[in-house]
């Protein structure tokens, strides 16, 4: 129920509170309560710790870890690398293209962060999507006609 979800995120008694009266941290907690109500197996969180205090960050990370323990898949977009290092066991480092993916300690190695920073510094708003040259498609090389488009942006596999 809504009451139970709000209680789980530390907002018991807020059921009738207008949304425009909530602080930034309270609003983030209500968004996490909504995720609880959805009971999804795949949870996508985009910058869930922005504009919230340290206690709220800790409480929300506790919820994320609980969901992970329930064998849910959680994808979190976070730019605070210290937060990632301390709380997320696996990391995908992106900078217009995947830089590294795997155990956080290995993914956030200095050489990977330098590669990501170079992509960021060279950012152009209207630049095409970058993809590696001469990549493989199953058992055939890149240099041939295709029925799909390279550099056209994100797409489903």
N, C-alpha and C. Protein backbone atom coordinates (compact mmCIF):
# COMPACT_ATOMS: atom_id res chain seq x y z
N UNK A 1 0.83 -1.19 0.00
CA UNK A 1 0.00 0.00 0.00
C UNK A 1 0.88 1.25 0.00
N UNK A 2 0.27 2.39 -0.30
CA UNK A 2 0.99 3.67 -0.32
C UNK A 2 1.56 3.97 1.06
N UNK A 3 0.76 3.75 2.09
CA UNK A 3 1.23 4.02 3.46
C UNK A 3 2.47 3.20 3.80
N UNK A 4 2.47 1.92 3.43
CA UNK A 4 3.62 1.06 3.71
C UNK A 4 4.85 1.51 2.93
N UNK A 5 4.65 1.89 1.66
CA UNK A 5 5.78 2.35 0.84
C UNK A 5 6.38 3.63 1.41
N UNK A 6 5.53 4.56 1.82
CA UNK A 6 6.02 5.80 2.42
C UNK A 6 6.72 5.52 3.75
N UNK A 7 6.19 4.60 4.52
CA UNK A 7 6.83 4.22 5.79
C UNK A 7 8.22 3.63 5.51
N UNK A 8 8.33 2.82 4.47
CA UNK A 8 9.60 2.17 4.14
C UNK A 8 10.69 3.17 3.75
N UNK A 9 10.30 4.34 3.25
CA UNK A 9 11.29 5.35 2.86
C UNK A 9 11.39 6.48 3.89
N UNK A 10 10.80 6.26 5.06
CA UNK A 10 10.92 7.24 6.14
C UNK A 10 9.95 8.39 6.06
N UNK A 11 8.84 8.21 5.35
CA UNK A 11 7.85 9.28 5.22
C UNK A 11 6.46 8.85 5.70
N UNK A 12 6.43 8.03 6.74
CA UNK A 12 5.14 7.64 7.31
C UNK A 12 4.36 8.88 7.73
N UNK A 13 3.08 8.93 7.40
CA UNK A 13 2.24 10.06 7.75
C UNK A 13 2.20 11.16 6.70
N UNK A 14 2.89 10.97 5.58
CA UNK A 14 2.94 11.98 4.52
C UNK A 14 1.92 11.72 3.41
N UNK A 15 1.03 10.78 3.60
CA UNK A 15 0.10 10.37 2.54
C UNK A 15 -0.71 11.53 1.96
N UNK A 16 -1.12 12.46 2.77
CA UNK A 16 -1.99 13.55 2.31
C UNK A 16 -1.24 14.86 2.10
N UNK A 17 0.05 14.81 2.20
CA UNK A 17 0.87 16.03 2.07
C UNK A 17 0.99 16.42 0.60
N UNK A 18 0.70 17.68 0.23
CA UNK A 18 0.84 18.13 -1.17
C UNK A 18 2.30 18.03 -1.62
N UNK A 19 2.51 17.60 -2.85
CA UNK A 19 3.86 17.38 -3.35
C UNK A 19 4.69 18.66 -3.37
N UNK A 20 4.04 19.81 -3.56
CA UNK A 20 4.80 21.07 -3.62
C UNK A 20 5.25 21.57 -2.25
N UNK A 21 4.93 20.82 -1.20
CA UNK A 21 5.40 21.19 0.14
C UNK A 21 6.57 20.33 0.59
N UNK A 22 7.00 19.39 -0.26
CA UNK A 22 8.09 18.48 0.11
C UNK A 22 9.45 19.11 -0.18
N UNK A 23 10.43 18.79 0.65
CA UNK A 23 11.82 19.19 0.38
C UNK A 23 12.37 18.30 -0.74
N UNK A 24 13.56 18.63 -1.23
CA UNK A 24 14.19 17.82 -2.27
C UNK A 24 14.39 16.38 -1.84
N UNK A 25 14.86 16.20 -0.60
CA UNK A 25 15.07 14.85 -0.08
C UNK A 25 13.77 14.09 0.09
N UNK A 26 12.73 14.78 0.56
CA UNK A 26 11.42 14.13 0.72
C UNK A 26 10.86 13.73 -0.64
N UNK A 27 11.05 14.58 -1.64
CA UNK A 27 10.57 14.25 -2.98
C UNK A 27 11.28 13.01 -3.52
N UNK A 28 12.61 12.94 -3.34
CA UNK A 28 13.34 11.75 -3.79
C UNK A 28 12.83 10.51 -3.07
N UNK A 29 12.57 10.63 -1.79
CA UNK A 29 12.04 9.49 -1.04
C UNK A 29 10.68 9.05 -1.59
N UNK A 30 9.83 10.01 -1.96
CA UNK A 30 8.53 9.64 -2.53
C UNK A 30 8.71 8.93 -3.86
N UNK A 31 9.71 9.33 -4.63
CA UNK A 31 9.97 8.64 -5.90
C UNK A 31 10.43 7.20 -5.65
N UNK A 32 11.22 7.00 -4.62
CA UNK A 32 11.62 5.64 -4.25
C UNK A 32 10.40 4.85 -3.76
N UNK A 33 9.50 5.50 -3.04
CA UNK A 33 8.27 4.83 -2.60
C UNK A 33 7.46 4.37 -3.81
N UNK A 34 7.43 5.20 -4.84
CA UNK A 34 6.72 4.82 -6.07
C UNK A 34 7.34 3.57 -6.69
N UNK A 35 8.68 3.49 -6.68
CA UNK A 35 9.36 2.30 -7.18
C UNK A 35 8.94 1.08 -6.36
N UNK A 36 8.86 1.24 -5.04
CA UNK A 36 8.42 0.14 -4.18
C UNK A 36 7.04 -0.35 -4.58
N UNK A 37 6.14 0.58 -4.86
CA UNK A 37 4.77 0.21 -5.25
C UNK A 37 4.73 -0.52 -6.58
N UNK A 38 5.64 -0.16 -7.48
CA UNK A 38 5.66 -0.80 -8.80
C UNK A 38 6.17 -2.23 -8.73
N UNK A 39 7.00 -2.54 -7.73
CA UNK A 39 7.51 -3.89 -7.52
C UNK A 39 8.17 -4.45 -8.79
N UNK A 40 8.96 -3.62 -9.46
CA UNK A 40 9.59 -4.00 -10.73
C UNK A 40 10.84 -4.85 -10.50
N UNK A 41 11.13 -5.71 -11.47
CA UNK A 41 12.36 -6.50 -11.44
C UNK A 41 13.55 -5.70 -11.99
N UNK A 42 13.27 -4.71 -12.83
CA UNK A 42 14.29 -3.83 -13.39
C UNK A 42 14.00 -2.41 -12.93
N UNK A 43 14.97 -1.81 -12.27
CA UNK A 43 14.80 -0.46 -11.71
C UNK A 43 15.85 0.45 -12.31
N UNK A 44 15.42 1.53 -12.96
CA UNK A 44 16.31 2.52 -13.55
C UNK A 44 16.22 3.80 -12.74
N UNK A 45 17.34 4.28 -12.23
CA UNK A 45 17.37 5.49 -11.41
C UNK A 45 18.37 6.47 -12.02
N UNK A 46 17.90 7.65 -12.40
CA UNK A 46 18.75 8.67 -13.01
C UNK A 46 19.06 9.75 -11.98
N UNK A 47 20.31 9.78 -11.52
CA UNK A 47 20.77 10.76 -10.52
C UNK A 47 19.84 10.83 -9.30
N UNK A 48 19.59 9.71 -8.65
CA UNK A 48 18.64 9.70 -7.52
C UNK A 48 19.14 10.42 -6.27
N UNK A 49 20.42 10.80 -6.24
CA UNK A 49 20.96 11.41 -5.03
C UNK A 49 21.18 12.92 -5.18
N UNK A 50 20.73 13.50 -6.28
CA UNK A 50 20.88 14.95 -6.46
C UNK A 50 20.01 15.72 -5.49
N UNK A 51 20.56 16.78 -4.95
CA UNK A 51 19.83 17.72 -4.08
C UNK A 51 19.25 17.07 -2.83
N UNK A 52 19.95 16.06 -2.31
CA UNK A 52 19.49 15.43 -1.07
C UNK A 52 20.64 15.41 -0.07
N UNK A 53 20.30 15.38 1.20
CA UNK A 53 21.31 15.39 2.26
C UNK A 53 21.96 14.01 2.42
N UNK A 54 23.05 13.99 3.15
CA UNK A 54 23.83 12.76 3.33
C UNK A 54 23.01 11.64 3.96
N UNK A 55 22.18 11.95 4.94
CA UNK A 55 21.35 10.91 5.57
C UNK A 55 20.40 10.29 4.56
N UNK A 56 19.78 11.13 3.72
CA UNK A 56 18.85 10.61 2.72
C UNK A 56 19.59 9.73 1.71
N UNK A 57 20.78 10.16 1.29
CA UNK A 57 21.59 9.33 0.38
C UNK A 57 21.82 7.96 1.01
N UNK A 58 22.23 7.94 2.26
CA UNK A 58 22.46 6.66 2.94
C UNK A 58 21.21 5.80 3.01
N UNK A 59 20.08 6.42 3.33
CA UNK A 59 18.82 5.68 3.40
C UNK A 59 18.43 5.11 2.04
N UNK A 60 18.61 5.90 0.99
CA UNK A 60 18.24 5.44 -0.36
C UNK A 60 19.18 4.35 -0.84
N UNK A 61 20.45 4.45 -0.52
CA UNK A 61 21.39 3.38 -0.88
C UNK A 61 21.03 2.09 -0.15
N UNK A 62 20.59 2.20 1.09
CA UNK A 62 20.14 1.01 1.82
C UNK A 62 18.99 0.34 1.08
N UNK A 63 18.06 1.13 0.57
CA UNK A 63 16.94 0.57 -0.21
C UNK A 63 17.45 -0.11 -1.48
N UNK A 64 18.37 0.54 -2.18
CA UNK A 64 18.93 -0.04 -3.41
C UNK A 64 19.60 -1.37 -3.10
N UNK A 65 20.36 -1.42 -2.02
CA UNK A 65 21.03 -2.67 -1.64
C UNK A 65 20.01 -3.75 -1.28
N UNK A 66 18.91 -3.35 -0.67
CA UNK A 66 17.85 -4.32 -0.36
C UNK A 66 17.27 -4.88 -1.65
N UNK A 67 17.01 -4.01 -2.62
CA UNK A 67 16.48 -4.47 -3.92
C UNK A 67 17.47 -5.41 -4.58
N UNK A 68 18.76 -5.08 -4.50
CA UNK A 68 19.79 -5.96 -5.07
C UNK A 68 19.75 -7.32 -4.40
N UNK A 69 19.58 -7.33 -3.08
CA UNK A 69 19.47 -8.59 -2.34
C UNK A 69 18.25 -9.40 -2.72
N UNK A 70 17.23 -8.73 -3.25
CA UNK A 70 16.03 -9.40 -3.74
C UNK A 70 16.19 -9.85 -5.19
N UNK A 71 17.42 -9.77 -5.69
CA UNK A 71 17.79 -10.19 -7.05
C UNK A 71 17.09 -9.37 -8.14
N UNK A 72 16.85 -8.11 -7.84
CA UNK A 72 16.35 -7.19 -8.86
C UNK A 72 17.55 -6.60 -9.59
N UNK A 73 17.34 -6.18 -10.81
CA UNK A 73 18.38 -5.49 -11.57
C UNK A 73 18.19 -3.99 -11.36
N UNK A 74 19.24 -3.33 -10.91
CA UNK A 74 19.18 -1.90 -10.65
C UNK A 74 20.25 -1.21 -11.47
N UNK A 75 19.84 -0.24 -12.28
CA UNK A 75 20.78 0.58 -13.04
C UNK A 75 20.65 2.01 -12.52
N UNK A 76 21.77 2.56 -12.07
CA UNK A 76 21.77 3.88 -11.45
C UNK A 76 22.77 4.77 -12.19
N UNK A 77 22.31 5.91 -12.67
CA UNK A 77 23.20 6.90 -13.27
C UNK A 77 23.70 7.79 -12.14
N UNK A 78 25.02 7.79 -11.94
CA UNK A 78 25.63 8.57 -10.87
C UNK A 78 26.95 9.13 -11.39
N UNK A 79 27.23 10.39 -11.06
CA UNK A 79 28.49 11.01 -11.46
C UNK A 79 29.47 11.14 -10.29
N UNK A 80 29.04 10.82 -9.09
CA UNK A 80 29.89 10.89 -7.91
C UNK A 80 30.66 9.56 -7.80
N UNK A 81 31.91 9.57 -8.25
CA UNK A 81 32.68 8.33 -8.32
C UNK A 81 32.99 7.76 -6.94
N UNK A 82 33.14 8.59 -5.93
CA UNK A 82 33.35 8.06 -4.57
C UNK A 82 32.12 7.29 -4.10
N UNK A 83 30.96 7.82 -4.38
CA UNK A 83 29.72 7.14 -4.03
C UNK A 83 29.64 5.79 -4.76
N UNK A 84 30.02 5.77 -6.02
CA UNK A 84 30.03 4.53 -6.80
C UNK A 84 31.01 3.54 -6.19
N UNK A 85 32.22 3.99 -5.92
CA UNK A 85 33.26 3.10 -5.37
C UNK A 85 32.81 2.44 -4.06
N UNK A 86 32.11 3.17 -3.23
CA UNK A 86 31.74 2.66 -1.91
C UNK A 86 30.45 1.85 -1.89
N UNK A 87 29.63 1.95 -2.94
CA UNK A 87 28.30 1.36 -2.83
C UNK A 87 27.85 0.47 -3.98
N UNK A 88 28.57 0.47 -5.09
CA UNK A 88 28.10 -0.29 -6.24
C UNK A 88 29.18 -1.27 -6.68
N UNK A 89 28.89 -2.57 -6.65
CA UNK A 89 29.90 -3.58 -6.94
C UNK A 89 30.29 -3.67 -8.43
N UNK A 90 29.40 -3.26 -9.31
CA UNK A 90 29.66 -3.36 -10.75
C UNK A 90 29.34 -2.02 -11.39
N UNK A 91 30.18 -1.62 -12.36
CA UNK A 91 30.04 -0.29 -12.96
C UNK A 91 30.23 -0.35 -14.47
N UNK A 92 29.41 0.43 -15.17
CA UNK A 92 29.58 0.68 -16.60
C UNK A 92 29.99 2.13 -16.72
N UNK A 93 31.19 2.38 -17.25
CA UNK A 93 31.70 3.73 -17.43
C UNK A 93 31.43 4.14 -18.87
N UNK A 94 30.61 5.19 -19.04
CA UNK A 94 30.23 5.68 -20.37
C UNK A 94 30.75 7.09 -20.59
N UNK A 95 31.14 7.36 -21.82
CA UNK A 95 31.50 8.71 -22.26
C UNK A 95 31.29 8.72 -23.77
N UNK A 96 30.05 8.90 -24.20
CA UNK A 96 29.61 8.80 -25.59
C UNK A 96 29.71 7.37 -26.12
N UNK A 97 30.49 6.54 -25.50
CA UNK A 97 30.57 5.12 -25.84
C UNK A 97 31.03 4.40 -24.58
N UNK A 98 30.81 3.10 -24.51
CA UNK A 98 31.29 2.37 -23.33
C UNK A 98 32.82 2.44 -23.24
N UNK A 99 33.31 2.78 -22.07
CA UNK A 99 34.75 2.83 -21.81
C UNK A 99 35.19 1.55 -21.11
N UNK A 100 34.45 1.15 -20.09
CA UNK A 100 34.78 -0.06 -19.34
C UNK A 100 33.54 -0.53 -18.60
N UNK A 101 33.50 -1.85 -18.35
CA UNK A 101 32.38 -2.43 -17.63
C UNK A 101 32.87 -3.63 -16.85
N UNK A 102 32.50 -3.68 -15.59
CA UNK A 102 32.88 -4.81 -14.76
C UNK A 102 32.94 -4.42 -13.30
N UNK A 103 33.79 -5.12 -12.56
CA UNK A 103 33.95 -4.82 -11.14
C UNK A 103 34.36 -3.36 -10.99
N UNK A 104 33.72 -2.66 -10.09
CA UNK A 104 33.92 -1.21 -9.94
C UNK A 104 35.39 -0.84 -9.78
N UNK A 105 36.11 -1.58 -8.95
CA UNK A 105 37.52 -1.28 -8.70
C UNK A 105 38.32 -1.30 -10.00
N UNK A 106 38.02 -2.23 -10.88
CA UNK A 106 38.73 -2.33 -12.16
C UNK A 106 38.23 -1.29 -13.16
N UNK A 107 36.92 -1.09 -13.18
CA UNK A 107 36.32 -0.16 -14.15
C UNK A 107 36.79 1.27 -13.91
N UNK A 108 36.91 1.67 -12.65
CA UNK A 108 37.27 3.05 -12.33
C UNK A 108 38.78 3.24 -12.15
N UNK A 109 39.55 2.45 -12.88
CA UNK A 109 41.01 2.61 -12.87
C UNK A 109 41.38 3.94 -13.53
N UNK A 110 42.48 4.55 -13.14
CA UNK A 110 42.87 5.86 -13.68
C UNK A 110 42.90 5.93 -15.20
N UNK A 111 43.38 4.88 -15.86
CA UNK A 111 43.46 4.94 -17.33
C UNK A 111 42.07 4.98 -17.98
N UNK A 112 41.10 4.29 -17.38
CA UNK A 112 39.73 4.36 -17.90
C UNK A 112 39.11 5.73 -17.66
N UNK A 113 39.36 6.29 -16.49
CA UNK A 113 38.83 7.63 -16.19
C UNK A 113 39.45 8.67 -17.11
N UNK A 114 40.72 8.52 -17.45
CA UNK A 114 41.37 9.44 -18.38
C UNK A 114 40.74 9.33 -19.76
N UNK A 115 40.49 8.11 -20.23
CA UNK A 115 39.82 7.94 -21.53
C UNK A 115 38.44 8.59 -21.52
N UNK A 116 37.69 8.41 -20.44
CA UNK A 116 36.36 9.01 -20.34
C UNK A 116 36.46 10.53 -20.32
N UNK A 117 37.42 11.06 -19.61
CA UNK A 117 37.60 12.52 -19.53
C UNK A 117 37.93 13.10 -20.89
N UNK A 118 38.72 12.40 -21.68
CA UNK A 118 39.07 12.88 -23.03
C UNK A 118 37.82 12.97 -23.90
N UNK A 119 36.93 12.01 -23.78
CA UNK A 119 35.67 12.09 -24.53
C UNK A 119 34.86 13.28 -24.07
N UNK A 120 34.80 13.49 -22.76
CA UNK A 120 34.01 14.59 -22.21
C UNK A 120 34.56 15.94 -22.68
N UNK A 121 35.88 16.10 -22.64
CA UNK A 121 36.50 17.36 -23.02
C UNK A 121 36.32 17.66 -24.50
N UNK A 122 36.18 16.63 -25.31
CA UNK A 122 36.03 16.82 -26.75
C UNK A 122 34.56 16.87 -27.17
N UNK A 123 33.67 17.03 -26.22
CA UNK A 123 32.23 17.00 -26.49
C UNK A 123 31.80 18.09 -27.45
N UNK A 124 31.01 17.71 -28.44
CA UNK A 124 30.35 18.65 -29.34
C UNK A 124 28.88 18.28 -29.34
N UNK A 125 28.01 19.25 -29.15
CA UNK A 125 26.58 18.99 -29.01
C UNK A 125 26.01 18.22 -30.19
N UNK A 126 26.42 18.53 -31.40
CA UNK A 126 25.85 17.89 -32.59
C UNK A 126 26.75 16.82 -33.20
N UNK A 127 27.72 16.35 -32.43
CA UNK A 127 28.63 15.33 -32.94
C UNK A 127 27.89 14.01 -33.14
N UNK A 128 28.28 13.23 -34.15
CA UNK A 128 27.64 11.92 -34.34
C UNK A 128 28.05 10.97 -33.23
N UNK A 129 27.28 9.91 -33.07
CA UNK A 129 27.61 8.89 -32.09
C UNK A 129 28.89 8.21 -32.51
N UNK A 130 29.76 7.95 -31.56
CA UNK A 130 31.04 7.30 -31.83
C UNK A 130 30.89 5.80 -31.68
N UNK A 131 31.46 5.10 -32.63
CA UNK A 131 31.53 3.65 -32.53
C UNK A 131 32.89 3.23 -33.03
N UNK A 132 33.44 2.16 -32.49
CA UNK A 132 34.78 1.75 -32.92
C UNK A 132 34.79 1.35 -34.39
N UNK A 133 35.89 1.70 -35.07
CA UNK A 133 36.08 1.26 -36.45
C UNK A 133 36.40 -0.23 -36.45
N UNK A 134 36.10 -0.87 -37.55
CA UNK A 134 36.45 -2.28 -37.75
C UNK A 134 35.97 -3.19 -36.63
N UNK A 135 34.78 -2.95 -36.13
CA UNK A 135 34.26 -3.84 -35.10
C UNK A 135 33.67 -5.09 -35.75
N UNK A 136 33.49 -6.09 -34.96
CA UNK A 136 33.01 -7.38 -35.46
C UNK A 136 31.50 -7.50 -35.32
N UNK A 137 30.89 -8.23 -36.22
CA UNK A 137 29.47 -8.58 -36.17
C UNK A 137 29.39 -10.09 -36.24
N UNK A 138 29.42 -10.72 -35.10
CA UNK A 138 29.38 -12.18 -35.10
C UNK A 138 30.64 -12.73 -35.74
N UNK A 139 30.50 -13.37 -36.91
CA UNK A 139 31.67 -13.97 -37.55
C UNK A 139 32.11 -13.21 -38.80
N UNK A 140 31.69 -11.93 -38.95
CA UNK A 140 32.13 -11.17 -40.12
C UNK A 140 32.64 -9.79 -39.73
N UNK A 141 33.63 -9.27 -40.46
CA UNK A 141 34.21 -7.97 -40.11
C UNK A 141 33.32 -6.80 -40.50
N UNK A 142 33.72 -5.61 -40.10
CA UNK A 142 32.95 -4.38 -40.31
C UNK A 142 32.90 -3.95 -41.77
N UNK A 143 33.92 -4.20 -42.55
CA UNK A 143 34.06 -3.63 -43.88
C UNK A 143 33.19 -4.36 -44.90
N UNK A 144 31.87 -4.12 -44.86
CA UNK A 144 30.94 -4.70 -45.82
C UNK A 144 29.62 -3.96 -45.75
N UNK A 145 28.72 -4.25 -46.66
CA UNK A 145 27.40 -3.63 -46.64
C UNK A 145 26.60 -4.09 -45.43
N UNK A 146 25.73 -3.23 -44.93
CA UNK A 146 24.96 -3.53 -43.73
C UNK A 146 23.48 -3.28 -43.94
N UNK A 147 22.70 -3.87 -43.08
CA UNK A 147 21.29 -3.53 -43.02
C UNK A 147 21.00 -2.75 -41.74
N UNK A 148 22.05 -2.27 -41.08
CA UNK A 148 21.90 -1.41 -39.90
C UNK A 148 22.86 -0.24 -40.06
N UNK A 149 22.67 0.80 -39.25
CA UNK A 149 23.41 2.04 -39.43
C UNK A 149 24.39 2.26 -38.30
N UNK A 150 25.63 2.54 -38.66
CA UNK A 150 26.66 2.86 -37.67
C UNK A 150 26.61 4.34 -37.35
N UNK A 151 26.85 4.67 -36.09
CA UNK A 151 26.92 6.06 -35.69
C UNK A 151 25.59 6.78 -35.69
N UNK A 152 24.49 6.03 -35.63
CA UNK A 152 23.17 6.66 -35.70
C UNK A 152 22.55 6.87 -34.33
N UNK A 153 23.28 6.60 -33.26
CA UNK A 153 22.75 6.82 -31.93
C UNK A 153 22.38 5.53 -31.25
N UNK A 154 21.79 5.62 -30.07
CA UNK A 154 21.48 4.42 -29.31
C UNK A 154 20.38 3.61 -29.97
N UNK A 155 20.44 2.32 -29.78
CA UNK A 155 19.40 1.44 -30.33
C UNK A 155 19.33 0.17 -29.49
N UNK A 156 18.23 -0.46 -29.56
CA UNK A 156 18.06 -1.72 -28.81
C UNK A 156 18.79 -2.83 -29.53
N UNK A 157 19.29 -3.77 -28.76
CA UNK A 157 20.01 -4.91 -29.35
C UNK A 157 19.04 -5.89 -29.94
